[in-house]
C-alpha cells in the first residue's frame, strides 16, 4: 500500500509598513512594482493618503529587502505598523 502525504496549504502572510515621501499615483505605481518584484510577494496595496503599504507574501515578508527597494525608489520605510 502506498501512502501519499498531503502538505497543508499555507496561508498568505501580510505585513503593513509606514512609508514616507509618497504623494501621488506615480508613487503608488512605483512602489507596487518594485516591492511586487521581490521573491515571494503576491500582493502590494499602497495607500498614498495614509502612507501605508501592505505587502502580502507566501512567507513572512523580508523587512530588509522591502526597505532596500523602497529606499532605492526614493522613499523611506519608517517601520512596521
Foldseek 3Di string as FASTA:
>chain_A
DDDDDDDDQADKDKWKWAKPDADDPVLVVQLQVQLCPDPFWDGWDADRVRRMIMTIGRDPDDPVSSQVSCVVSPMGTPGTD
